[in-house]
All heavy atoms as atom14 arrays in JSON, in Angstrom:
{
  "sequence": "YRISGHYASLTLWMAFCTWLLSILLFSMPILLYGGYMLLLTAAL",
  "atom14_mask": [
    [1, 1, 1, 1, 1, 1, 1, 1, 1, 1, 1, 1, 0, 0],
    [1, 1, 1, 1, 1, 1, 1, 1, 1, 1, 1, 0, 0, 0],
    [1, 1, 1, 1, 1, 1, 1, 1, 0, 0, 0, 0, 0, 0],
    [1, 1, 1, 1, 1, 1, 0, 0, 0, 0, 0, 0, 0, 0],
    [1, 1, 1, 1, 0, 0, 0, 0, 0, 0, 0, 0, 0, 0],
    [1, 1, 1, 1, 1, 1, 1, 1, 1, 1, 0, 0, 0, 0],
    [1, 1, 1, 1, 1, 1, 1, 1, 1, 1, 1, 1, 0, 0],
    [1, 1, 1, 1, 1, 0, 0, 0, 0, 0, 0, 0, 0, 0],
    [1, 1, 1, 1, 1, 1, 0, 0, 0, 0, 0, 0, 0, 0],
    [1, 1, 1, 1, 1, 1, 1, 1, 0, 0, 0, 0, 0, 0],
    [1, 1, 1, 1, 1, 1, 1, 0, 0, 0, 0, 0, 0, 0],
    [1, 1, 1, 1, 1, 1, 1, 1, 0, 0, 0, 0, 0, 0],
    [1, 1, 1, 1, 1, 1, 1, 1, 1, 1, 1, 1, 1, 1],
    [1, 1, 1, 1, 1, 1, 1, 1, 0, 0, 0, 0, 0, 0],
    [1, 1, 1, 1, 1, 0, 0, 0, 0, 0, 0, 0, 0, 0],
    [1, 1, 1, 1, 1, 1, 1, 1, 1, 1, 1, 0, 0, 0],
    [1, 1, 1, 1, 1, 1, 0, 0, 0, 0, 0, 0, 0, 0],
    [1, 1, 1, 1, 1, 1, 1, 0, 0, 0, 0, 0, 0, 0],
    [1, 1, 1, 1, 1, 1, 1, 1, 1, 1, 1, 1, 1, 1],
    [1, 1, 1, 1, 1, 1, 1, 1, 0, 0, 0, 0, 0, 0],
    [1, 1, 1, 1, 1, 1, 1, 1, 0, 0, 0, 0, 0, 0],
    [1, 1, 1, 1, 1, 1, 0, 0, 0, 0, 0, 0, 0, 0],
    [1, 1, 1, 1, 1, 1, 1, 1, 0, 0, 0, 0, 0, 0],
    [1, 1, 1, 1, 1, 1, 1, 1, 0, 0, 0, 0, 0, 0],
    [1, 1, 1, 1, 1, 1, 1, 1, 0, 0, 0, 0, 0, 0],
    [1, 1, 1, 1, 1, 1, 1, 1, 1, 1, 1, 0, 0, 0],
    [1, 1, 1, 1, 1, 1, 0, 0, 0, 0, 0, 0, 0, 0],
    [1, 1, 1, 1, 1, 1, 1, 1, 0, 0, 0, 0, 0, 0],
    [1, 1, 1, 1, 1, 1, 1, 0, 0, 0, 0, 0, 0, 0],
    [1, 1, 1, 1, 1, 1, 1, 1, 0, 0, 0, 0, 0, 0],
    [1, 1, 1, 1, 1, 1, 1, 1, 0, 0, 0, 0, 0, 0],
    [1, 1, 1, 1, 1, 1, 1, 1, 0, 0, 0, 0, 0, 0],
    [1, 1, 1, 1, 1, 1, 1, 1, 1, 1, 1, 1, 0, 0],
    [1, 1, 1, 1, 0, 0, 0, 0, 0, 0, 0, 0, 0, 0],
    [1, 1, 1, 1, 0, 0, 0, 0, 0, 0, 0, 0, 0, 0],
    [1, 1, 1, 1, 1, 1, 1, 1, 1, 1, 1, 1, 0, 0],
    [1, 1, 1, 1, 1, 1, 1, 1, 0, 0, 0, 0, 0, 0],
    [1, 1, 1, 1, 1, 1, 1, 1, 0, 0, 0, 0, 0, 0],
    [1, 1, 1, 1, 1, 1, 1, 1, 0, 0, 0, 0, 0, 0],
    [1, 1, 1, 1, 1, 1, 1, 1, 0, 0, 0, 0, 0, 0],
    [1, 1, 1, 1, 1, 1, 1, 0, 0, 0, 0, 0, 0, 0],
    [1, 1, 1, 1, 1, 0, 0, 0, 0, 0, 0, 0, 0, 0],
    [1, 1, 1, 1, 1, 0, 0, 0, 0, 0, 0, 0, 0, 0],
    [1, 1, 1, 1, 1, 1, 1, 1, 0, 0, 0, 0, 0, 0]
  ],
  "atom14_positions": [
    [[-50.82, -44.12, -47.69], [-51.09, -45.4, -47.04], [-52.53, -45.84, -47.28], [-52.81, -47.03, -47.47], [-50.82, -45.29, -45.54], [-49.39, -45.56, -45.17], [-48.52, -44.51, -44.89], [-48.9, -46.86, -45.11], [-47.21, -44.75, -44.55], [-47.59, -47.1, -44.76], [-46.73, -46.05, -44.49], [-45.44, -46.29, -44.15], [0.0, 0.0, 0.0], [0.0, 0.0, 0.0]],
    [[-53.44, -44.9, -47.29], [-54.85, -45.26, -47.48], [-55.09, -45.82, -48.87], [-55.73, -46.87, -49.04], [-55.71, -44.03, -47.24], [-57.2, -44.3, -47.29], [-57.98, -43.01, -47.18], [-59.41, -43.23, -47.08], [-60.33, -42.28, -47.18], [-59.95, -41.03, -47.39], [-61.61, -42.56, -47.06], [0.0, 0.0, 0.0], [0.0, 0.0, 0.0], [0.0, 0.0, 0.0]],
    [[-54.59, -45.13, -49.9], [-54.82, -45.56, -51.27], [-54.07, -46.86, -51.58], [-54.61, -47.79, -52.2], [-54.42, -44.44, -52.25], [-55.35, -43.24, -52.07], [-54.49, -44.95, -53.7], [-54.95, -42.03, -52.88], [0.0, 0.0, 0.0], [0.0, 0.0, 0.0], [0.0, 0.0, 0.0], [0.0, 0.0, 0.0], [0.0, 0.0, 0.0], [0.0, 0.0, 0.0]],
    [[-52.81, -46.95, -51.14], [-52.05, -48.17, -51.4], [-52.65, -49.36, -50.69], [-52.71, -50.47, -51.23], [-50.6, -47.98, -50.97], [-50.51, -47.76, -49.57], [0.0, 0.0, 0.0], [0.0, 0.0, 0.0], [0.0, 0.0, 0.0], [0.0, 0.0, 0.0], [0.0, 0.0, 0.0], [0.0, 0.0, 0.0], [0.0, 0.0, 0.0], [0.0, 0.0, 0.0]],
    [[-53.14, -49.17, -49.46], [-53.79, -50.26, -48.75], [-55.07, -50.7, -49.43], [-55.38, -51.9, -49.48], [0.0, 0.0, 0.0], [0.0, 0.0, 0.0], [0.0, 0.0, 0.0], [0.0, 0.0, 0.0], [0.0, 0.0, 0.0], [0.0, 0.0, 0.0], [0.0, 0.0, 0.0], [0.0, 0.0, 0.0], [0.0, 0.0, 0.0], [0.0, 0.0, 0.0]],
    [[-55.82, -49.74, -49.97], [-57.07, -50.08, -50.66], [-56.8, -50.92, -51.91], [-57.43, -51.97, -52.13], [-57.8, -48.8, -51.04], [-59.01, -49.03, -51.89], [-60.2, -49.55, -51.39], [-59.22, -48.82, -53.22], [-61.07, -49.65, -52.37], [-60.51, -49.22, -53.48], [0.0, 0.0, 0.0], [0.0, 0.0, 0.0], [0.0, 0.0, 0.0], [0.0, 0.0, 0.0]],
    [[-55.84, -50.5, -52.72], [-55.55, -51.24, -53.95], [-54.86, -52.57, -53.66], [-55.04, -53.56, -54.4], [-54.71, -50.39, -54.9], [-55.52, -49.33, -55.6], [-55.4, -47.99, -55.26], [-56.42, -49.68, -56.61], [-56.15, -47.01, -55.9], [-57.18, -48.72, -57.26], [-57.04, -47.38, -56.9], [-57.8, -46.43, -57.54], [0.0, 0.0, 0.0], [0.0, 0.0, 0.0]],
    [[-54.05, -52.62, -52.61], [-53.45, -53.89, -52.24], [-54.51, -54.89, -51.8], [-54.46, -56.08, -52.17], [-52.42, -53.68, -51.11], [0.0, 0.0, 0.0], [0.0, 0.0, 0.0], [0.0, 0.0, 0.0], [0.0, 0.0, 0.0], [0.0, 0.0, 0.0], [0.0, 0.0, 0.0], [0.0, 0.0, 0.0], [0.0, 0.0, 0.0], [0.0, 0.0, 0.0]],
    [[-55.49, -54.44, -51.02], [-56.58, -55.32, -50.61], [-57.4, -55.77, -51.82], [-57.81, -56.95, -51.9], [-57.47, -54.59, -49.61], [-58.57, -55.4, -49.22], [0.0, 0.0, 0.0], [0.0, 0.0, 0.0], [0.0, 0.0, 0.0], [0.0, 0.0, 0.0], [0.0, 0.0, 0.0], [0.0, 0.0, 0.0], [0.0, 0.0, 0.0], [0.0, 0.0, 0.0]],
    [[-57.63, -54.88, -52.78], [-58.39, -55.23, -53.97], [-57.68, -56.3, -54.79], [-58.31, -57.28, -55.24], [-58.63, -53.98, -54.82], [-59.44, -54.15, -56.11], [-60.84, -54.67, -55.8], [-59.49, -52.85, -56.89], [0.0, 0.0, 0.0], [0.0, 0.0, 0.0], [0.0, 0.0, 0.0], [0.0, 0.0, 0.0], [0.0, 0.0, 0.0], [0.0, 0.0, 0.0]],
    [[-56.38, -56.15, -54.99], [-55.64, -57.15, -55.77], [-55.57, -58.48, -55.03], [-55.56, -59.54, -55.67], [-54.22, -56.64, -56.06], [-53.59, -56.22, -54.83], [-54.25, -55.46, -57.02], [0.0, 0.0, 0.0], [0.0, 0.0, 0.0], [0.0, 0.0, 0.0], [0.0, 0.0, 0.0], [0.0, 0.0, 0.0], [0.0, 0.0, 0.0], [0.0, 0.0, 0.0]],
    [[-55.53, -58.46, -53.71], [-55.52, -59.71, -52.96], [-56.86, -60.44, -53.08], [-56.89, -61.68, -53.14], [-55.18, -59.45, -51.5], [-53.72, -59.1, -51.21], [-53.53, -58.72, -49.75], [-52.81, -60.27, -51.58], [0.0, 0.0, 0.0], [0.0, 0.0, 0.0], [0.0, 0.0, 0.0], [0.0, 0.0, 0.0], [0.0, 0.0, 0.0], [0.0, 0.0, 0.0]],
    [[-57.97, -59.7, -53.1], [-59.26, -60.34, -53.32], [-59.32, -60.94, -54.72], [-59.89, -62.04, -54.92], [-60.4, -59.34, -53.14], [-60.79, -59.12, -51.71], [-60.69, -57.96, -50.98], [-61.36, -60.09, -50.82], [-61.14, -58.16, -49.7], [-61.57, -59.45, -49.57], [-61.7, -61.43, -50.95], [-62.11, -60.11, -48.48], [-62.24, -62.1, -49.86], [-62.44, -61.44, -48.63]],
    [[-58.76, -60.26, -55.7], [-58.7, -60.83, -57.05], [-57.83, -62.08, -57.08], [-58.15, -63.05, -57.77], [-58.17, -59.77, -58.02], [-59.1, -58.58, -58.2], [-58.35, -57.26, -59.19], [-58.12, -58.1, -60.75], [0.0, 0.0, 0.0], [0.0, 0.0, 0.0], [0.0, 0.0, 0.0], [0.0, 0.0, 0.0], [0.0, 0.0, 0.0], [0.0, 0.0, 0.0]],
    [[-56.72, -62.05, -56.31], [-55.87, -63.24, -56.24], [-56.6, -64.41, -55.61], [-56.42, -65.56, -56.01], [-54.6, -62.91, -55.44], [0.0, 0.0, 0.0], [0.0, 0.0, 0.0], [0.0, 0.0, 0.0], [0.0, 0.0, 0.0], [0.0, 0.0, 0.0], [0.0, 0.0, 0.0], [0.0, 0.0, 0.0], [0.0, 0.0, 0.0], [0.0, 0.0, 0.0]],
    [[-57.46, -64.13, -54.63], [-58.24, -65.2, -54.03], [-59.21, -65.81, -55.05], [-59.39, -67.04, -55.09], [-59.01, -64.65, -52.82], [-59.81, -65.68, -52.08], [-59.18, -66.62, -51.27], [-61.18, -65.71, -52.19], [-59.92, -67.57, -50.59], [-61.93, -66.67, -51.51], [-61.29, -67.59, -50.7], [0.0, 0.0, 0.0], [0.0, 0.0, 0.0], [0.0, 0.0, 0.0]],
    [[-59.8, -64.98, -55.9], [-60.72, -65.48, -56.93], [-59.97, -66.32, -57.96], [-60.45, -67.38, -58.38], [-61.43, -64.32, -57.61], [-62.55, -63.39, -56.53], [0.0, 0.0, 0.0], [0.0, 0.0, 0.0], [0.0, 0.0, 0.0], [0.0, 0.0, 0.0], [0.0, 0.0, 0.0], [0.0, 0.0, 0.0], [0.0, 0.0, 0.0], [0.0, 0.0, 0.0]],
    [[-58.79, -65.88, -58.39], [-58.03, -66.66, -59.35], [-57.53, -67.97, -58.74], [-57.41, -68.98, -59.44], [-56.84, -65.85, -59.88], [-56.03, -65.39, -58.77], [-57.31, -64.65, -60.68], [0.0, 0.0, 0.0], [0.0, 0.0, 0.0], [0.0, 0.0, 0.0], [0.0, 0.0, 0.0], [0.0, 0.0, 0.0], [0.0, 0.0, 0.0], [0.0, 0.0, 0.0]],
    [[-57.25, -67.96, -57.44], [-56.88, -69.22, -56.77], [-58.05, -70.21, -56.8], [-57.86, -71.41, -57.05], [-56.46, -68.93, -55.34], [-56.31, -70.17, -54.5], [-55.27, -71.04, -54.5], [-57.26, -70.68, -53.57], [-55.52, -72.07, -53.62], [-56.73, -71.87, -53.03], [-58.51, -70.25, -53.12], [-57.41, -72.63, -52.07], [-59.19, -70.99, -52.18], [-58.64, -72.16, -51.66]],
    [[-59.26, -69.72, -56.54], [-60.44, -70.6, -56.61], [-60.61, -71.16, -58.03], [-60.94, -72.34, -58.2], [-61.69, -69.82, -56.21], [-61.84, -69.48, -54.72], [-63.09, -68.65, -54.5], [-61.86, -70.74, -53.87], [0.0, 0.0, 0.0], [0.0, 0.0, 0.0], [0.0, 0.0, 0.0], [0.0, 0.0, 0.0], [0.0, 0.0, 0.0], [0.0, 0.0, 0.0]],
    [[-60.38, -70.33, -59.05], [-60.49, -70.81, -60.42], [-59.44, -71.87, -60.72], [-59.72, -72.85, -61.44], [-60.34, -69.64, -61.39], [-61.54, -68.69, -61.51], [-61.19, -67.52, -62.42], [-62.76, -69.43, -62.04], [0.0, 0.0, 0.0], [0.0, 0.0, 0.0], [0.0, 0.0, 0.0], [0.0, 0.0, 0.0], [0.0, 0.0, 0.0], [0.0, 0.0, 0.0]],
    [[-58.22, -71.69, -60.19], [-57.18, -72.69, -60.42], [-57.55, -74.03, -59.78], [-57.35, -75.09, -60.38], [-55.85, -72.19, -59.87], [-55.86, -72.13, -58.45], [0.0, 0.0, 0.0], [0.0, 0.0, 0.0], [0.0, 0.0, 0.0], [0.0, 0.0, 0.0], [0.0, 0.0, 0.0], [0.0, 0.0, 0.0], [0.0, 0.0, 0.0], [0.0, 0.0, 0.0]],
    [[-58.12, -74.0, -58.57], [-58.56, -75.24, -57.93], [-59.64, -75.91, -58.75], [-59.65, -77.14, -58.94], [-59.06, -74.95, -56.5], [-57.91, -74.41, -55.63], [-59.67, -76.19, -55.87], [-56.79, -75.38, -55.43], [0.0, 0.0, 0.0], [0.0, 0.0, 0.0], [0.0, 0.0, 0.0], [0.0, 0.0, 0.0], [0.0, 0.0, 0.0], [0.0, 0.0, 0.0]],
    [[-60.56, -75.11, -59.3], [-61.64, -75.66, -60.11], [-61.1, -76.29, -61.4], [-61.52, -77.38, -61.81], [-62.66, -74.56, -60.44], [-63.85, -74.94, -61.3], [-64.7, -75.99, -60.61], [-64.68, -73.72, -61.64], [0.0, 0.0, 0.0], [0.0, 0.0, 0.0], [0.0, 0.0, 0.0], [0.0, 0.0, 0.0], [0.0, 0.0, 0.0], [0.0, 0.0, 0.0]],
    [[-60.15, -75.62, -62.04], [-59.59, -76.14, -63.28], [-58.76, -77.39, -63.05], [-58.76, -78.31, -63.88], [-58.74, -75.05, -63.95], [-59.51, -73.84, -64.48], [-58.55, -72.76, -64.94], [-60.42, -74.25, -65.63], [0.0, 0.0, 0.0], [0.0, 0.0, 0.0], [0.0, 0.0, 0.0], [0.0, 0.0, 0.0], [0.0, 0.0, 0.0], [0.0, 0.0, 0.0]],
    [[-58.06, -77.45, -61.94], [-57.28, -78.65, -61.64], [-58.17, -79.85, -61.33], [-57.78, -80.99, -61.55], [-56.35, -78.4, -60.46], [-55.12, -77.61, -60.82], [-54.66, -76.6, -59.99], [-54.43, -77.86, -61.99], [-53.53, -75.87, -60.31], [-53.3, -77.12, -62.34], [-52.85, -76.12, -61.5], [0.0, 0.0, 0.0], [0.0, 0.0, 0.0], [0.0, 0.0, 0.0]],
    [[-59.35, -79.6, -60.8], [-60.25, -80.7, -60.45], [-61.07, -81.17, -61.64], [-61.67, -82.25, -61.58], [-61.19, -80.26, -59.32], [-62.01, -79.18, -59.71], [0.0, 0.0, 0.0], [0.0, 0.0, 0.0], [0.0, 0.0, 0.0], [0.0, 0.0, 0.0], [0.0, 0.0, 0.0], [0.0, 0.0, 0.0], [0.0, 0.0, 0.0], [0.0, 0.0, 0.0]],
    [[-61.13, -80.41, -62.74], [-62.01, -80.79, -63.85], [-61.57, -82.0, -64.68], [-62.46, -82.76, -65.07], [-62.27, -79.57, -64.74], [-63.15, -78.54, -64.05], [-63.48, -77.08, -65.05], [-64.44, -77.77, -66.38], [0.0, 0.0, 0.0], [0.0, 0.0, 0.0], [0.0, 0.0, 0.0], [0.0, 0.0, 0.0], [0.0, 0.0, 0.0], [0.0, 0.0, 0.0]],
    [[-60.33, -82.27, -65.04], [-59.12, -81.47, -64.88], [-58.7, -80.79, -66.18], [-58.7, -81.41, -67.24], [-58.09, -82.52, -64.48], [-58.55, -83.75, -65.2], [-60.04, -83.64, -65.39], [0.0, 0.0, 0.0], [0.0, 0.0, 0.0], [0.0, 0.0, 0.0], [0.0, 0.0, 0.0], [0.0, 0.0, 0.0], [0.0, 0.0, 0.0], [0.0, 0.0, 0.0]],
    [[-58.36, -79.51, -66.08], [-57.79, -78.75, -67.2], [-56.48, -78.17, -66.67], [-56.43, -77.04, -66.16], [-58.75, -77.65, -67.69], [-60.13, -78.25, -67.98], [-58.21, -76.99, -68.95], [-61.16, -77.22, -68.38], [0.0, 0.0, 0.0], [0.0, 0.0, 0.0], [0.0, 0.0, 0.0], [0.0, 0.0, 0.0], [0.0, 0.0, 0.0], [0.0, 0.0, 0.0]],
    [[-55.42, -78.96, -66.75], [-54.2, -78.66, -66.01], [-53.48, -77.43, -66.54], [-52.97, -76.62, -65.74], [-53.26, -79.88, -66.06], [-53.86, -81.2, -65.58], [-52.83, -82.31, -65.64], [-54.43, -81.05, -64.18], [0.0, 0.0, 0.0], [0.0, 0.0, 0.0], [0.0, 0.0, 0.0], [0.0, 0.0, 0.0], [0.0, 0.0, 0.0], [0.0, 0.0, 0.0]],
    [[-53.43, -77.26, -67.84], [-52.69, -76.13, -68.39], [-53.3, -74.8, -67.96], [-52.59, -73.89, -67.53], [-52.66, -76.23, -69.92], [-51.9, -75.12, -70.65], [-50.45, -75.1, -70.21], [-52.02, -75.29, -72.16], [0.0, 0.0, 0.0], [0.0, 0.0, 0.0], [0.0, 0.0, 0.0], [0.0, 0.0, 0.0], [0.0, 0.0, 0.0], [0.0, 0.0, 0.0]],
    [[-54.61, -74.67, -68.05], [-55.25, -73.42, -67.66], [-55.22, -73.23, -66.14], [-55.24, -72.1, -65.66], [-56.68, -73.39, -68.19], [-56.74, -73.29, -69.69], [-56.96, -74.42, -70.47], [-56.53, -72.07, -70.33], [-56.99, -74.33, -71.86], [-56.56, -71.98, -71.72], [-56.79, -73.11, -72.47], [-56.81, -73.02, -73.84], [0.0, 0.0, 0.0], [0.0, 0.0, 0.0]],
    [[-55.18, -74.32, -65.39], [-54.96, -74.19, -63.95], [-53.6, -73.6, -63.64], [-53.47, -72.78, -62.72], [0.0, 0.0, 0.0], [0.0, 0.0, 0.0], [0.0, 0.0, 0.0], [0.0, 0.0, 0.0], [0.0, 0.0, 0.0], [0.0, 0.0, 0.0], [0.0, 0.0, 0.0], [0.0, 0.0, 0.0], [0.0, 0.0, 0.0], [0.0, 0.0, 0.0]],
    [[-52.59, -73.98, -64.41], [-51.26, -73.36, -64.26], [-51.28, -71.89, -64.59], [-50.63, -71.07, -63.92], [0.0, 0.0, 0.0], [0.0, 0.0, 0.0], [0.0, 0.0, 0.0], [0.0, 0.0, 0.0], [0.0, 0.0, 0.0], [0.0, 0.0, 0.0], [0.0, 0.0, 0.0], [0.0, 0.0, 0.0], [0.0, 0.0, 0.0], [0.0, 0.0, 0.0]],
    [[-52.03, -71.53, -65.63], [-52.15, -70.1, -65.97], [-52.8, -69.31, -64.83], [-52.39, -68.19, -64.53], [-52.96, -69.94, -67.25], [-52.24, -70.38, -68.5], [-52.95, -70.88, -69.59], [-50.86, -70.3, -68.6], [-52.3, -71.29, -70.75], [-50.2, -70.71, -69.74], [-50.92, -71.21, -70.81], [-50.26, -71.61, -71.94], [0.0, 0.0, 0.0], [0.0, 0.0, 0.0]],
    [[-53.81, -69.89, -64.2], [-54.48, -69.21, -63.09], [-53.54, -69.06, -61.89], [-53.59, -68.05, -61.18], [-55.72, -69.99, -62.69], [-56.9, -69.84, -63.63], [-57.54, -68.13, -63.73], [-56.89, -67.63, -65.33], [0.0, 0.0, 0.0], [0.0, 0.0, 0.0], [0.0, 0.0, 0.0], [0.0, 0.0, 0.0], [0.0, 0.0, 0.0], [0.0, 0.0, 0.0]],
    [[-52.68, -70.05, -61.67], [-51.69, -69.91, -60.59], [-50.71, -68.79, -60.89], [-50.31, -68.04, -59.99], [-50.95, -71.23, -60.4], [-51.61, -72.27, -59.5], [-50.73, -73.51, -59.38], [-51.89, -71.7, -58.11], [0.0, 0.0, 0.0], [0.0, 0.0, 0.0], [0.0, 0.0, 0.0], [0.0, 0.0, 0.0], [0.0, 0.0, 0.0], [0.0, 0.0, 0.0]],
    [[-50.3, -68.67, -62.15], [-49.42, -67.55, -62.52], [-50.11, -66.21, -62.3], [-49.48, -65.25, -61.82], [-48.99, -67.69, -63.98], [-47.94, -68.76, -64.3], [-47.59, -68.72, -65.77], [-46.69, -68.55, -63.46], [0.0, 0.0, 0.0], [0.0, 0.0, 0.0], [0.0, 0.0, 0.0], [0.0, 0.0, 0.0], [0.0, 0.0, 0.0], [0.0, 0.0, 0.0]],
    [[-51.38, -66.12, -62.65], [-52.11, -64.88, -62.43], [-52.26, -64.59, -60.95], [-52.17, -63.42, -60.52], [-53.48, -64.97, -63.11], [-54.35, -63.72, -63.08], [-53.61, -62.54, -63.7], [-55.67, -63.96, -63.8], [0.0, 0.0, 0.0], [0.0, 0.0, 0.0], [0.0, 0.0, 0.0], [0.0, 0.0, 0.0], [0.0, 0.0, 0.0], [0.0, 0.0, 0.0]],
    [[-52.48, -65.62, -60.14], [-52.54, -65.43, -58.68], [-51.23, -64.87, -58.15], [-51.21, -63.94, -57.33], [-52.86, -66.77, -57.99], [-54.09, -67.28, -58.49], [-52.96, -66.59, -56.5], [0.0, 0.0, 0.0], [0.0, 0.0, 0.0], [0.0, 0.0, 0.0], [0.0, 0.0, 0.0], [0.0, 0.0, 0.0], [0.0, 0.0, 0.0], [0.0, 0.0, 0.0]],
    [[-50.11, -65.43, -58.61], [-48.81, -64.94, -58.18], [-48.59, -63.49, -58.59], [-48.09, -62.67, -57.8], [-47.7, -65.82, -58.76], [0.0, 0.0, 0.0], [0.0, 0.0, 0.0], [0.0, 0.0, 0.0], [0.0, 0.0, 0.0], [0.0, 0.0, 0.0], [0.0, 0.0, 0.0], [0.0, 0.0, 0.0], [0.0, 0.0, 0.0], [0.0, 0.0, 0.0]],
    [[-48.99, -63.15, -59.82], [-48.81, -61.78, -60.31], [-49.61, -60.79, -59.47], [-49.12, -59.71, -59.11], [-49.2, -61.69, -61.78], [0.0, 0.0, 0.0], [0.0, 0.0, 0.0], [0.0, 0.0, 0.0], [0.0, 0.0, 0.0], [0.0, 0.0, 0.0], [0.0, 0.0, 0.0], [0.0, 0.0, 0.0], [0.0, 0.0, 0.0], [0.0, 0.0, 0.0]],
    [[-50.85, -61.14, -59.13], [-51.68, -60.24, -58.32], [-51.11, -60.06, -56.92], [-51.12, -58.94, -56.38], [-53.1, -60.79, -58.26], [-53.9, -60.73, -59.57], [-55.21, -61.5, -59.44], [-54.16, -59.29, -59.97], [0.0, 0.0, 0.0], [0.0, 0.0, 0.0], [0.0, 0.0, 0.0], [0.0, 0.0, 0.0], [0.0, 0.0, 0.0], [0.0, 0.0, 0.0]]
  ]
}
């Protein structure tokens, strides 16, 4: 439980960073790469 919780928290923080990147790309706008960042967020 300790190790799985640690790595789950780490991947969720990475998902939060990729979500921020997707918002930034959509606002620039670079729509295709924003979609890629959303896919990466979902995977994490």
